[in-house]
Amino acid sequence: MWIILSSVLVAALLAAAVAFSLRAARTARTPQGAVGWVVFLLSAPHLAVPLYLFLGNHRFRGYVTARRQSEQVIAGIRNQALAYSPPPGATPIDLGPFEYCAGLPALRGNSGRLLVDGAAAFDAMFEAIDAARHYLLVQFYIFRDDELGRALADRLIAAAGRGVTVRMIMDPVGSFRLPRAYVQRLYDAGIELVEGDTSPLPTIRFRLNFRNHRKTVIADGETGFTGGLNVGDEYMGRDPHFGDWRDTMIELRGPMVAQLQLIFAEDWHYGTGENLLESLNWHPTHAEADATGLIVATGPADQNETGNLMFFSAINAARDRCWIASPYFVPDTDILSALRNAALRGVDVRLLVPDVIDHRMPWLAAFSYFDEIREAGARVFRYTSGFMHQKVILIDDTIGAVGTANLDNRSFRLNFEAMAMFFNASVARDVATMLDADFDRAYELDRMLAQQPAHIRWAAPLARLFSPLL
């Protein structure tokens, strides 16, 4: 009896492995991902089949954007483009690829103020929250019930108490440890909250793969913030393991705030079915800085690989320098080739990554890519003054971008991300000054993988095998 039952289970497992392999070959977002899943499923079905049930969805279906549904928003975007379009030749960068990725036009009339590290960023965000008169839109991947988390909750509850409408979005994976009492306190104060998909097993793989990694604060449609910081004491440098947490947010004013708000409205619409278009301010004040920029929001609901294409377009636009800061470096072949090509063209290509370990698998996998870009002339800097978590792009003296997207496959294809991209010399100069200071707190990698300690030398190639999932 047991032999028959075991044989049936083995046959079912093998059948599932074959079926999932065929599905992966048909639906995976990249050939590398398809090959990785097929090899894993057929060689180790007892491990791969359960993992595929959690991680094997390759495209996110059913995410209906408010932008595509509403003629009003489409008309508003066109009107903004007419009112705030940069004059021809105002920037040496071809804006077309970035507008394609964003599905939005680049607009002038913006300002972007860099907020370096947690104290500066949350001071600015708390000031905007305290000054809000009509509504607040708040979204983070991680919320914690600690000193910072309670300080944010106190301010949001106080805002709701004075009549401000407060709407919040939190990701159920990023915030899964958040106590129910914290959330209930927000509900009791009248705050509207989307906690993500909280249904049981049938949709758990959506929660694991398709994470909403965006971080957004918007006050009255006039002031917006986005960047790398989440809500937790470690982001203020209070965790002894990580030390001084290095991160960047950017404060936005001008039409880009309306674009960031539109992305929040899309996420809200997906989570609740509620259309916020009539209840929000879509005409932020024109900023005196008059910088051209746009919000590039990418994710697995996009029909094309917009996350990958955004990075590719930025790297390809570089003529003098391409500096990228990212806590994770697990690129696909397109981005790896673009970085190597830029370096071979004589571009000053620099990658800033943390030396401190956050997640061991991507930290190890990165070592397997460093040799390839360094051989082409790119330089890799490892930040040592605490953990570096910022997501920043600098191209020449023209493009400065701050947001939530990492330089890895997960941000390219599996997470919902947002980047504030400025095509402006002043913002680019501020980003360059900031990154110069970061390079001073880093050392340049000068050893090939074969020269690394044994645990890195052997583990890095193995970790790379999982790069489509990292």
Protein backbone atom coordinates (compact mmCIF):
# COMPACT_ATOMS: atom_id res chain seq x y z
CA MET A 1 0.00 0.00 0.00
CA TRP A 2 2.72 2.45 0.99
CA ILE A 3 4.75 1.55 -2.09
CA ILE A 4 1.78 2.27 -4.34
CA LEU A 5 1.04 5.55 -2.56
CA SER A 6 4.68 6.62 -2.78
CA SER A 7 4.77 5.80 -6.48
CA VAL A 8 1.63 7.85 -7.07
CA LEU A 9 3.09 10.81 -5.17
CA VAL A 10 6.35 10.63 -7.10
CA ALA A 11 4.47 10.43 -10.40
CA ALA A 12 2.32 13.41 -9.41
CA LEU A 13 5.42 15.38 -8.43
CA LEU A 14 7.11 14.63 -11.75
CA ALA A 15 3.95 15.50 -13.67
CA ALA A 16 3.71 18.80 -11.82
CA ALA A 17 7.39 19.51 -12.56
CA VAL A 18 6.85 18.89 -16.27
CA ALA A 19 3.66 20.99 -16.34
CA PHE A 20 5.32 23.86 -14.48
CA SER A 21 8.36 23.63 -16.77
CA LEU A 22 6.15 24.04 -19.84
CA ARG A 23 4.39 26.96 -18.19
CA ALA A 24 7.67 28.61 -17.22
CA ALA A 25 9.02 28.23 -20.76
CA ARG A 26 5.88 29.91 -22.10
CA THR A 27 5.35 32.69 -19.57
CA ALA A 28 8.70 33.62 -17.96
CA ARG A 29 9.60 37.25 -18.48
CA THR A 30 13.17 36.45 -19.64
CA PRO A 31 14.91 33.49 -21.32
CA GLN A 32 17.25 33.30 -18.32
CA GLY A 33 14.29 32.98 -15.98
CA ALA A 34 12.70 30.31 -18.15
CA VAL A 35 15.90 28.25 -18.33
CA GLY A 36 16.49 28.64 -14.61
CA TRP A 37 13.03 27.38 -13.70
CA VAL A 38 13.04 24.51 -16.22
CA VAL A 39 16.43 23.21 -15.04
CA PHE A 40 15.47 23.58 -11.38
CA LEU A 41 12.07 21.91 -11.81
CA LEU A 42 13.35 18.93 -13.76
CA SER A 43 16.52 18.36 -11.72
CA ALA A 44 15.11 18.85 -8.22
CA PRO A 45 11.31 18.64 -8.42
CA HIS A 46 10.89 17.95 -4.69
CA LEU A 47 12.37 21.40 -3.98
CA ALA A 48 11.34 23.31 -7.09
CA VAL A 49 7.65 22.43 -7.29
CA PRO A 50 6.76 23.92 -3.87
CA LEU A 51 8.88 26.99 -4.61
CA TYR A 52 7.21 27.44 -8.00
CA LEU A 53 3.83 27.54 -6.29
CA PHE A 54 5.04 30.56 -4.30
CA LEU A 55 7.36 32.29 -6.76
CA GLY A 56 6.40 31.02 -10.18
CA ASN A 57 4.03 33.69 -11.42
CA HIS A 58 5.82 35.66 -14.10
CA ARG A 59 3.29 38.32 -14.95
CA PHE A 60 0.83 40.17 -12.76
CA ARG A 61 -2.64 40.07 -14.27
CA GLY A 62 -5.66 42.02 -13.16
CA TYR A 63 -3.93 45.26 -12.12
CA VAL A 64 -6.27 47.76 -13.73
CA THR A 65 -4.87 51.26 -13.67
CA ALA A 66 -6.99 54.31 -13.09
CA ARG A 67 -4.97 55.97 -15.86
CA ARG A 68 -6.25 53.56 -18.49
CA GLN A 69 -9.83 53.73 -17.28
CA SER A 70 -10.32 57.45 -16.93
CA GLU A 71 -10.70 59.80 -19.86
CA GLN A 72 -10.51 62.64 -17.36
CA VAL A 73 -6.98 61.72 -16.29
CA ILE A 74 -5.85 61.18 -19.88
CA ALA A 75 -7.18 64.62 -20.80
CA GLY A 76 -5.47 66.11 -17.76
CA ILE A 77 -2.15 64.58 -18.74
CA ARG A 78 -2.49 66.05 -22.21
CA ASN A 79 -3.32 69.45 -20.79
CA GLN A 80 -0.28 69.28 -18.51
CA ALA A 81 1.88 68.35 -21.48
CA LEU A 82 0.62 71.40 -23.36
CA ALA A 83 1.10 73.72 -20.40
CA TYR A 84 4.43 72.43 -19.09
CA SER A 85 6.20 70.80 -22.04
CA PRO A 86 9.88 71.73 -22.15
CA PRO A 87 10.81 73.75 -25.22
CA PRO A 88 12.49 71.86 -28.08
CA GLY A 89 16.20 71.37 -27.46
CA ALA A 90 15.92 72.28 -23.79
CA THR A 91 17.72 69.08 -22.84
CA PRO A 92 20.41 67.16 -24.77
CA ILE A 93 18.81 63.90 -23.66
CA ASP A 94 16.23 62.19 -25.84
CA LEU A 95 13.22 62.05 -23.52
CA GLY A 96 11.32 59.55 -25.67
CA PRO A 97 12.50 56.31 -24.02
CA PHE A 98 11.81 57.64 -20.53
CA GLU A 99 8.36 58.95 -21.48
CA TYR A 100 7.62 55.55 -23.00
CA CYS A 101 8.61 53.77 -19.79
CA ALA A 102 6.56 56.19 -17.69
CA GLY A 103 3.53 56.39 -19.95
CA LEU A 104 3.66 60.08 -19.01
CA PRO A 105 5.21 63.19 -20.53
CA ALA A 106 8.27 64.93 -19.14
CA LEU A 107 7.15 68.29 -17.74
CA ARG A 108 8.94 71.45 -16.68
CA GLY A 109 8.08 73.55 -13.64
CA ASN A 110 9.43 71.15 -11.01
CA SER A 111 11.91 71.28 -8.15
CA GLY A 112 13.72 68.41 -6.46
CA ARG A 113 15.39 68.73 -3.06
CA LEU A 114 17.65 65.88 -1.98
CA LEU A 115 17.08 64.63 1.56
CA VAL A 116 20.14 62.73 2.71
CA ASP A 117 19.49 60.05 5.35
CA GLY A 118 16.65 59.41 7.75
CA ALA A 119 16.77 62.47 9.98
CA ALA A 120 16.60 64.99 7.13
CA ALA A 121 14.03 62.95 5.20
CA PHE A 122 11.59 62.30 8.03
CA ASP A 123 11.95 65.85 9.38
CA ALA A 124 10.82 67.11 5.98
CA MET A 125 8.05 64.54 5.63
CA PHE A 126 6.78 65.18 9.17
CA GLU A 127 6.76 68.92 8.48
CA ALA A 128 4.65 68.35 5.36
CA ILE A 129 2.31 66.02 7.25
CA ASP A 130 1.85 68.54 10.07
CA ALA A 131 1.13 71.33 7.55
CA ALA A 132 -1.41 69.36 5.48
CA ARG A 133 -4.87 70.91 5.40
CA HIS A 134 -6.89 68.69 3.08
CA TYR A 135 -5.43 65.22 2.52
CA LEU A 136 -2.39 62.99 2.91
CA LEU A 137 -1.37 60.01 0.79
CA VAL A 138 1.16 57.73 2.49
CA GLN A 139 2.73 54.54 1.15
CA PHE A 140 5.74 52.53 2.33
CA TYR A 141 6.89 48.99 1.76
CA ILE A 142 7.82 48.49 5.43
CA PHE A 143 6.08 49.87 8.52
CA ARG A 144 7.39 48.96 11.96
CA ASP A 145 5.90 49.47 15.41
CA ASP A 146 8.98 51.16 16.83
CA GLU A 147 10.00 54.69 17.74
CA LEU A 148 9.87 56.00 14.16
CA GLY A 149 6.75 54.02 13.28
CA ARG A 150 4.89 55.36 16.30
CA ALA A 151 6.05 58.92 15.58
CA LEU A 152 4.60 58.66 12.07
CA ALA A 153 1.37 57.14 13.37
CA ASP A 154 1.00 59.93 15.94
CA ARG A 155 1.31 62.60 13.24
CA LEU A 156 -1.11 60.88 10.88
CA ILE A 157 -3.64 60.41 13.69
CA ALA A 158 -3.25 64.07 14.65
CA ALA A 159 -3.82 65.07 11.02
CA ALA A 160 -6.96 62.95 10.84
CA GLY A 161 -8.11 64.54 14.09
CA ARG A 162 -7.98 68.03 12.58
CA GLY A 163 -10.05 66.97 9.58
CA VAL A 164 -7.38 65.91 7.08
CA THR A 165 -8.28 62.86 5.00
CA VAL A 166 -5.48 60.31 5.42
CA ARG A 167 -5.06 57.36 3.07
CA MET A 168 -2.32 54.75 3.57
CA ILE A 169 -1.02 51.79 1.57
CA MET A 170 1.27 49.15 3.05
CA ASP A 171 2.64 46.01 1.43
CA PRO A 172 1.55 42.80 3.20
CA VAL A 173 4.97 41.16 2.77
CA GLY A 174 7.10 44.13 3.75
CA SER A 175 4.93 44.89 6.79
CA PHE A 176 3.94 41.35 7.76
CA ARG A 177 5.42 41.73 11.27
CA LEU A 178 3.41 44.84 12.04
CA PRO A 179 1.23 44.19 15.12
CA ARG A 180 -2.50 44.32 14.60
CA ALA A 181 -2.79 46.83 17.42
CA TYR A 182 -0.75 49.35 15.39
CA VAL A 183 -3.06 48.98 12.40
CA GLN A 184 -6.21 49.08 14.54
CA ARG A 185 -5.11 52.34 16.10
CA LEU A 186 -4.97 53.89 12.62
CA TYR A 187 -8.41 52.55 11.75
CA ASP A 188 -9.85 53.83 15.01
CA ALA A 189 -8.58 57.32 14.17
CA GLY A 190 -10.50 57.29 10.88
CA ILE A 191 -7.51 56.69 8.63
CA GLU A 192 -8.30 54.81 5.40
CA LEU A 193 -5.88 51.94 4.95
CA VAL A 194 -5.06 49.40 2.25
CA GLU A 195 -3.08 46.51 3.71
CA GLY A 196 -2.74 44.66 0.42
CA ASP A 197 -4.05 41.22 -0.41
CA THR A 198 -4.78 39.52 2.90
CA SER A 199 -6.63 36.50 1.55
CA PRO A 200 -5.28 33.01 2.39
CA LEU A 201 -3.32 30.48 0.33
CA PRO A 202 -4.82 30.90 -3.20
CA THR A 203 -3.04 34.26 -3.68
CA ILE A 204 -0.02 33.90 -1.42
CA ARG A 205 2.36 33.70 -4.37
CA PHE A 206 1.19 37.11 -5.54
CA ARG A 207 2.21 38.47 -2.14
CA LEU A 208 5.67 36.92 -2.40
CA ASN A 209 6.48 37.88 -5.97
CA PHE A 210 4.61 41.06 -6.77
CA ARG A 211 5.58 43.43 -4.00
CA ASN A 212 4.61 47.08 -3.93
CA HIS A 213 8.02 48.53 -3.18
CA ARG A 214 7.04 52.19 -3.64
CA LYS A 215 7.55 54.82 -0.93
CA THR A 216 5.37 57.90 -1.26
CA VAL A 217 4.16 60.78 0.86
CA ILE A 218 1.97 63.47 -0.72
CA ALA A 219 0.48 66.43 1.11
CA ASP A 220 -2.48 68.24 -0.49
CA GLY A 221 -1.21 67.45 -4.00
CA GLU A 222 1.42 70.17 -3.59
CA THR A 223 4.40 68.43 -1.99
CA GLY A 224 5.57 64.90 -2.69
CA PHE A 225 8.33 62.61 -1.48
CA THR A 226 9.80 59.38 -2.81
CA GLY A 227 13.04 57.44 -2.36
CA GLY A 228 14.57 54.52 -0.52
CA LEU A 229 13.51 54.98 3.10
CA ASN A 230 10.95 52.83 4.88
CA VAL A 231 9.40 53.35 8.30
CA GLY A 232 11.60 51.67 10.87
CA ASP A 233 14.28 52.59 13.39
CA GLU A 234 17.03 50.96 11.32
CA TYR A 235 16.40 53.61 8.65
CA MET A 236 17.34 56.21 11.27
CA GLY A 237 20.64 54.46 12.00
CA ARG A 238 19.44 52.95 15.30
CA ASP A 239 20.24 49.32 14.49
CA PRO A 240 23.76 48.39 15.68
CA HIS A 241 24.11 45.70 13.01
CA PHE A 242 23.60 48.11 10.10
CA GLY A 243 25.13 51.17 11.75
CA ASP A 244 24.60 54.54 10.08
CA TRP A 245 21.92 53.84 7.49
CA ARG A 246 22.72 55.64 4.22
CA ASP A 247 19.63 56.47 2.17
CA THR A 248 18.12 59.21 0.03
CA MET A 249 14.65 60.67 -0.45
CA ILE A 250 13.72 63.54 -2.72
CA GLU A 251 11.15 66.26 -2.05
CA LEU A 252 9.14 67.20 -5.13
CA ARG A 253 7.16 70.26 -6.07
CA GLY A 254 5.47 71.02 -9.37
CA PRO A 255 3.70 68.81 -11.96
CA MET A 256 5.73 65.76 -10.97
CA VAL A 257 3.75 65.69 -7.72
CA ALA A 258 0.58 65.11 -9.77
CA GLN A 259 2.31 62.24 -11.59
CA LEU A 260 3.41 60.66 -8.31
CA GLN A 261 -0.14 61.12 -7.04
CA LEU A 262 -1.51 59.39 -10.12
CA ILE A 263 0.61 56.33 -9.35
CA PHE A 264 -0.74 56.28 -5.78
CA ALA A 265 -4.28 56.58 -7.17
CA GLU A 266 -3.65 53.55 -9.39
CA ASP A 267 -2.42 51.51 -6.44
CA TRP A 268 -5.37 52.66 -4.36
CA HIS A 269 -7.80 51.79 -7.13
CA TYR A 270 -6.36 48.29 -7.36
CA GLY A 271 -6.55 47.76 -3.61
CA THR A 272 -10.03 49.20 -3.04
CA GLY A 273 -11.80 49.70 -6.37
CA GLU A 274 -12.24 53.34 -5.35
CA ASN A 275 -11.51 56.11 -7.84
CA LEU A 276 -9.77 59.05 -6.18
CA LEU A 277 -9.67 61.32 -9.21
CA GLU A 278 -12.45 63.67 -8.13
CA SER A 279 -11.16 64.06 -4.57
CA LEU A 280 -7.55 65.08 -5.23
CA ASN A 281 -5.78 68.25 -6.32
CA TRP A 282 -4.34 67.71 -9.80
CA HIS A 283 -2.90 71.20 -10.31
CA PRO A 284 0.15 71.64 -8.05
CA THR A 285 1.85 75.01 -7.96
CA HIS A 286 4.51 75.56 -10.61
CA ALA A 287 7.97 75.50 -8.96
CA GLU A 288 10.28 78.43 -9.58
CA ALA A 289 13.19 76.08 -10.26
CA ASP A 290 11.40 75.12 -13.52
CA ALA A 291 13.25 71.79 -13.81
CA THR A 292 12.10 69.22 -16.36
CA GLY A 293 11.28 65.79 -14.99
CA LEU A 294 8.82 62.93 -14.73
CA ILE A 295 7.89 59.98 -12.55
CA VAL A 296 8.76 56.60 -14.04
CA ALA A 297 6.60 53.99 -12.32
CA THR A 298 7.37 50.42 -13.36
CA GLY A 299 6.03 47.03 -12.42
CA PRO A 300 4.96 43.54 -13.47
CA ALA A 301 1.60 44.82 -14.74
CA ASP A 302 3.37 46.66 -17.58
CA GLN A 303 3.10 45.00 -20.95
CA ASN A 304 6.79 45.66 -21.63
CA GLU A 305 9.94 45.43 -19.52
CA THR A 306 9.84 49.07 -18.45
CA GLY A 307 12.03 48.64 -15.36
CA ASN A 308 14.84 47.14 -17.39
CA LEU A 309 14.32 49.64 -20.23
CA MET A 310 14.51 52.64 -17.89
CA PHE A 311 17.96 51.64 -16.63
CA PHE A 312 19.08 50.63 -20.12
CA SER A 313 18.00 53.97 -21.58
CA ALA A 314 19.78 55.93 -18.86
CA ILE A 315 23.04 53.98 -19.24
CA ASN A 316 22.89 54.24 -23.03
CA ALA A 317 22.42 58.03 -22.79
CA ALA A 318 25.69 58.48 -20.89
CA ARG A 319 28.54 60.21 -22.70
CA ASP A 320 30.80 61.31 -19.83
CA ARG A 321 29.69 59.53 -16.66
CA CYS A 322 27.23 56.97 -15.39
CA TRP A 323 27.12 56.66 -11.61
CA ILE A 324 24.62 54.30 -10.02
CA ALA A 325 24.07 53.64 -6.31
CA SER A 326 22.10 50.51 -5.47
CA PRO A 327 22.07 48.19 -2.44
CA TYR A 328 21.73 45.18 -4.76
CA PHE A 329 23.48 44.43 -8.04
CA VAL A 330 21.91 41.43 -9.78
CA PRO A 331 21.54 42.66 -13.37
CA ASP A 332 20.19 40.83 -16.39
CA THR A 333 22.24 40.43 -19.57
CA ASP A 334 20.86 43.64 -21.12
CA ILE A 335 21.96 45.85 -18.24
CA LEU A 336 25.27 44.04 -17.87
CA SER A 337 25.99 44.61 -21.57
CA ALA A 338 24.90 48.25 -21.36
CA LEU A 339 27.26 48.94 -18.46
CA ARG A 340 30.16 47.22 -20.20
CA ASN A 341 29.44 49.05 -23.46
CA ALA A 342 29.35 52.41 -21.68
CA ALA A 343 32.68 51.72 -19.99
CA LEU A 344 34.24 50.61 -23.29
CA ARG A 345 33.02 53.88 -24.86
CA GLY A 346 35.10 55.74 -22.29
CA VAL A 347 32.24 56.67 -19.97
CA ASP A 348 33.16 56.99 -16.28
CA VAL A 349 31.02 54.08 -15.04
CA ARG A 350 30.85 53.74 -11.27
CA LEU A 351 28.74 51.40 -9.19
CA LEU A 352 28.27 52.09 -5.49
CA VAL A 353 27.12 49.10 -3.42
CA PRO A 354 27.16 48.32 0.32
CA ASP A 355 29.92 46.35 1.96
CA VAL A 356 27.59 45.50 4.86
CA ILE A 357 25.36 42.47 4.28
CA ASP A 358 21.59 42.96 4.26
CA HIS A 359 20.35 39.94 2.30
CA ARG A 360 23.11 37.38 1.82
CA MET A 361 22.02 35.82 -1.50
CA PRO A 362 22.01 39.02 -3.60
CA TRP A 363 25.11 40.24 -1.75
CA LEU A 364 26.94 37.10 -2.83
CA ALA A 365 25.49 37.02 -6.35
CA ALA A 366 26.81 40.53 -7.01
CA PHE A 367 30.40 39.29 -6.77
CA SER A 368 29.81 37.04 -9.78
CA TYR A 369 29.04 40.12 -11.93
CA PHE A 370 31.73 42.52 -10.75
CA ASP A 371 34.51 40.94 -12.82
CA GLU A 372 32.62 41.42 -16.08
CA ILE A 373 32.01 45.14 -15.67
CA ARG A 374 35.44 45.82 -14.15
CA GLU A 375 37.20 44.12 -17.07
CA ALA A 376 35.45 46.60 -19.38
CA GLY A 377 36.68 49.55 -17.32
CA ALA A 378 33.82 50.14 -14.89
CA ARG A 379 34.69 50.81 -11.25
CA VAL A 380 32.97 49.22 -8.24
CA PHE A 381 32.93 51.02 -4.90
CA ARG A 382 31.88 49.32 -1.66
CA TYR A 383 30.33 51.64 0.93
CA THR A 384 31.67 50.98 4.42
CA SER A 385 30.15 53.68 6.66
CA GLY A 386 27.07 51.66 7.60
CA PHE A 387 24.55 50.07 5.25
CA MET A 388 23.83 51.88 1.97
CA HIS A 389 20.26 51.51 0.72
CA GLN A 390 19.78 54.47 -1.66
CA LYS A 391 18.65 54.03 -5.27
CA VAL A 392 20.21 56.84 -7.30
CA ILE A 393 21.22 57.37 -10.95
CA LEU A 394 23.48 60.14 -12.29
CA ILE A 395 24.07 60.50 -16.02
CA ASP A 396 26.57 63.14 -17.20
CA ASP A 397 25.50 66.59 -15.97
CA THR A 398 21.98 66.04 -17.23
CA ILE A 399 20.04 63.25 -15.49
CA GLY A 400 19.60 62.87 -11.75
CA ALA A 401 17.17 60.23 -10.50
CA VAL A 402 16.11 59.12 -7.01
CA GLY A 403 13.53 56.50 -6.19
CA THR A 404 12.80 52.95 -5.13
CA ALA A 405 14.20 50.76 -7.94
CA ASN A 406 17.24 48.60 -7.26
CA LEU A 407 19.63 47.42 -9.95
CA ASP A 408 18.32 43.85 -9.85
CA ASN A 409 15.88 41.51 -11.52
CA ARG A 410 13.29 41.89 -8.78
CA SER A 411 13.00 45.62 -9.36
CA PHE A 412 13.18 45.14 -13.13
CA ARG A 413 10.30 42.67 -13.29
CA LEU A 414 8.69 41.61 -10.02
CA ASN A 415 8.20 44.74 -7.89
CA PHE A 416 6.12 47.87 -8.33
CA GLU A 417 8.65 50.73 -8.27
CA ALA A 418 8.85 54.49 -8.85
CA MET A 419 11.76 56.75 -9.84
CA ALA A 420 11.74 60.56 -9.89
CA MET A 421 13.86 61.45 -12.91
CA PHE A 422 15.12 65.00 -13.48
CA PHE A 423 16.63 66.17 -16.75
CA ASN A 424 18.22 69.20 -15.19
CA ALA A 425 21.80 70.34 -14.59
CA SER A 426 21.11 71.75 -11.13
CA VAL A 427 19.58 68.53 -9.79
CA ALA A 428 22.33 66.48 -11.47
CA ARG A 429 24.94 68.69 -9.78
CA ASP A 430 23.34 68.10 -6.38
CA VAL A 431 23.32 64.34 -6.98
CA ALA A 432 26.98 64.44 -8.06
CA THR A 433 27.98 66.31 -4.90
CA MET A 434 26.10 63.79 -2.77
CA LEU A 435 27.64 60.76 -4.49
CA ASP A 436 31.13 62.25 -4.33
CA ALA A 437 30.76 62.32 -0.54
CA ASP A 438 29.58 58.70 -0.62
CA PHE A 439 32.58 57.58 -2.66
CA ASP A 440 34.78 59.12 0.03
CA ARG A 441 33.19 56.67 2.49
CA ALA A 442 33.82 53.67 0.26
CA TYR A 443 36.75 51.68 -1.05
CA GLU A 444 37.27 50.66 -4.64
CA LEU A 445 37.10 46.93 -5.29
CA ASP A 446 40.46 45.82 -6.70
CA ARG A 447 40.24 42.03 -6.42
CA MET A 448 38.72 39.63 -8.93
CA LEU A 449 36.37 36.88 -7.80
CA ALA A 450 39.21 34.33 -7.91
CA GLN A 451 41.04 36.44 -5.33
CA GLN A 452 38.13 36.65 -2.89
CA PRO A 453 37.90 34.48 0.28
CA ALA A 454 36.80 30.92 -0.36
CA HIS A 455 33.23 31.36 0.91
CA ILE A 456 32.64 34.17 -1.61
CA ARG A 457 34.60 32.49 -4.40
CA TRP A 458 32.50 29.33 -4.21
CA ALA A 459 29.12 30.73 -3.17
CA ALA A 460 28.86 33.66 -5.59
CA PRO A 461 28.44 31.56 -8.78
CA LEU A 462 25.85 29.40 -7.01
CA ALA A 463 23.93 32.48 -5.84
CA ARG A 464 23.99 33.79 -9.39
CA LEU A 465 21.98 30.78 -10.52
CA PHE A 466 19.07 32.22 -8.56
CA SER A 467 19.48 35.71 -10.05
CA PRO A 468 16.10 35.64 -11.88
CA LEU A 469 14.44 35.34 -8.46
CA LEU A 470 16.61 37.73 -6.42
